[in-house]
């Protein structure tokens, strides 16, 4: 989170899935980085709720996880995740670069629609 803020992104963090859903009701976000393993409401359920609400259904969601289970990743994509990243495979600088690339690609897709 600090790395993204240091790179100039406005970052809003949530301590658990329930808090994340509340923040999504209060503000609009260009991207949601969503941990799968969270207290109160897990990431896949948060993703279900994001995609079920018309106000957030088009918000791109990248799953951040240390789980490298194909079944969980497949379920995430079937629920509408735009991508996933295994946290252990990225240092903070690499994470920022991947997010930057994703946002640029996402913006290009919006322009071409």
Protein backbone atom coordinates (compact mmCIF):
# COMPACT_ATOMS: atom_id res chain seq x y z
CA UNK A 1 0.00 0.00 0.00
CA UNK A 2 2.79 2.41 0.89
CA UNK A 3 4.55 1.72 -2.41
CA UNK A 4 1.45 2.67 -4.39
CA UNK A 5 1.02 5.86 -2.37
CA UNK A 6 4.69 6.72 -2.89
CA UNK A 7 4.15 6.23 -6.64
CA UNK A 8 1.44 8.91 -6.60
CA UNK A 9 -1.67 6.75 -6.44
CA UNK A 10 -4.49 7.59 -4.06
CA UNK A 11 -4.92 4.48 -1.95
CA UNK A 12 -7.74 3.51 0.36
CA UNK A 13 -7.13 0.45 2.51
CA UNK A 14 -9.56 -1.79 4.38
CA UNK A 15 -8.66 -4.11 7.22
CA UNK A 16 -11.23 -6.76 6.28
CA UNK A 17 -13.80 -7.61 3.63
CA UNK A 18 -16.68 -6.02 5.49
CA UNK A 19 -14.84 -2.69 5.74
CA UNK A 20 -13.84 -2.94 2.08
CA UNK A 21 -17.45 -3.35 0.99
CA UNK A 22 -18.46 -0.30 3.04
CA UNK A 23 -15.72 1.80 1.42
CA UNK A 24 -16.87 0.63 -2.02
CA UNK A 25 -20.36 1.92 -1.23
CA UNK A 26 -18.98 5.33 -0.25
CA UNK A 27 -16.54 6.03 -3.10
CA UNK A 28 -15.76 5.16 -6.69
CA UNK A 29 -12.46 3.40 -7.42
CA UNK A 30 -10.49 2.91 -10.65
CA UNK A 31 -9.16 -0.43 -9.43
CA UNK A 32 -9.64 -2.78 -6.50
CA UNK A 33 -6.73 -4.89 -5.25
CA UNK A 34 -8.43 -7.64 -3.34
CA UNK A 35 -6.81 -10.14 -1.01
CA UNK A 36 -8.59 -13.49 -1.07
CA UNK A 37 -7.82 -14.38 2.55
CA UNK A 38 -9.49 -11.70 4.72
CA UNK A 39 -11.34 -11.73 8.01
CA UNK A 40 -15.12 -11.29 8.30
CA UNK A 41 -15.85 -11.51 4.56
CA UNK A 42 -13.37 -13.31 2.28
CA UNK A 43 -12.13 -11.88 -0.99
CA UNK A 44 -14.22 -14.09 -3.25
CA UNK A 45 -17.40 -13.01 -1.48
CA UNK A 46 -16.33 -9.36 -1.73
CA UNK A 47 -15.76 -9.92 -5.45
CA UNK A 48 -19.25 -11.46 -5.80
CA UNK A 49 -20.77 -8.41 -4.14
CA UNK A 50 -18.71 -5.94 -6.20
CA UNK A 51 -19.87 -7.55 -9.43
CA UNK A 52 -23.49 -7.82 -8.25
CA UNK A 53 -23.88 -4.08 -7.62
CA UNK A 54 -24.50 -1.95 -10.73
CA UNK A 55 -22.44 0.88 -9.22
CA UNK A 56 -19.32 -1.28 -8.93
CA UNK A 57 -19.85 -4.06 -11.47
CA UNK A 58 -17.49 -2.44 -14.01
CA UNK A 59 -14.73 -1.76 -11.47
CA UNK A 60 -11.69 -3.88 -12.36
CA UNK A 61 -10.59 -6.20 -9.57
CA UNK A 62 -7.17 -7.80 -9.27
CA UNK A 63 -6.91 -10.62 -6.77
CA UNK A 64 -3.82 -10.47 -4.57
CA UNK A 65 -3.04 -13.73 -2.90
CA UNK A 66 -0.37 -16.04 -1.68
CA UNK A 67 -2.60 -18.95 -2.60
CA UNK A 68 -1.41 -20.59 -5.77
CA UNK A 69 -4.46 -22.83 -6.12
CA UNK A 70 -5.89 -23.11 -9.61
CA UNK A 71 -9.41 -23.74 -8.29
CA UNK A 72 -9.47 -20.48 -6.30
CA UNK A 73 -7.99 -18.50 -9.18
CA UNK A 74 -10.47 -20.03 -11.65
CA UNK A 75 -13.34 -19.18 -9.33
CA UNK A 76 -12.06 -15.60 -9.08
CA UNK A 77 -12.01 -15.26 -12.87
CA UNK A 78 -15.46 -16.83 -13.16
CA UNK A 79 -16.73 -14.20 -10.71
CA UNK A 80 -15.30 -11.39 -12.82
CA UNK A 81 -11.75 -10.75 -11.62
CA UNK A 82 -9.65 -8.95 -14.22
CA UNK A 83 -6.43 -10.56 -13.03
CA UNK A 84 -4.51 -12.00 -10.13
CA UNK A 85 -1.08 -11.65 -8.61
CA UNK A 86 0.67 -14.01 -6.22
CA UNK A 87 2.04 -11.57 -3.64
CA UNK A 88 5.16 -13.59 -2.89
CA UNK A 89 6.25 -13.26 -6.54
CA UNK A 90 6.51 -9.44 -6.47
CA UNK A 91 8.54 -6.95 -4.52
CA UNK A 92 6.85 -3.57 -3.86
CA UNK A 93 8.41 -1.88 -6.90
CA UNK A 94 7.34 -4.70 -9.23
CA UNK A 95 3.84 -4.58 -7.78
CA UNK A 96 3.61 -0.86 -8.58
CA UNK A 97 4.81 -1.48 -12.15
CA UNK A 98 2.24 -4.26 -12.68
CA UNK A 99 -0.56 -2.05 -11.35
CA UNK A 100 0.60 0.82 -13.58
CA UNK A 101 0.54 -1.45 -16.65
CA UNK A 102 -2.89 -2.76 -15.75
CA UNK A 103 -4.33 0.75 -15.32
CA UNK A 104 -2.88 1.88 -18.66
CA UNK A 105 -4.32 -1.18 -20.44
CA UNK A 106 -7.66 -0.72 -18.69
CA UNK A 107 -7.82 2.94 -19.71
CA UNK A 108 -7.08 1.95 -23.32
CA UNK A 109 -9.90 -0.59 -23.29
CA UNK A 110 -12.33 2.03 -21.95
CA UNK A 111 -11.37 4.44 -24.75
CA UNK A 112 -11.90 1.74 -27.40
CA UNK A 113 -15.40 0.80 -26.19
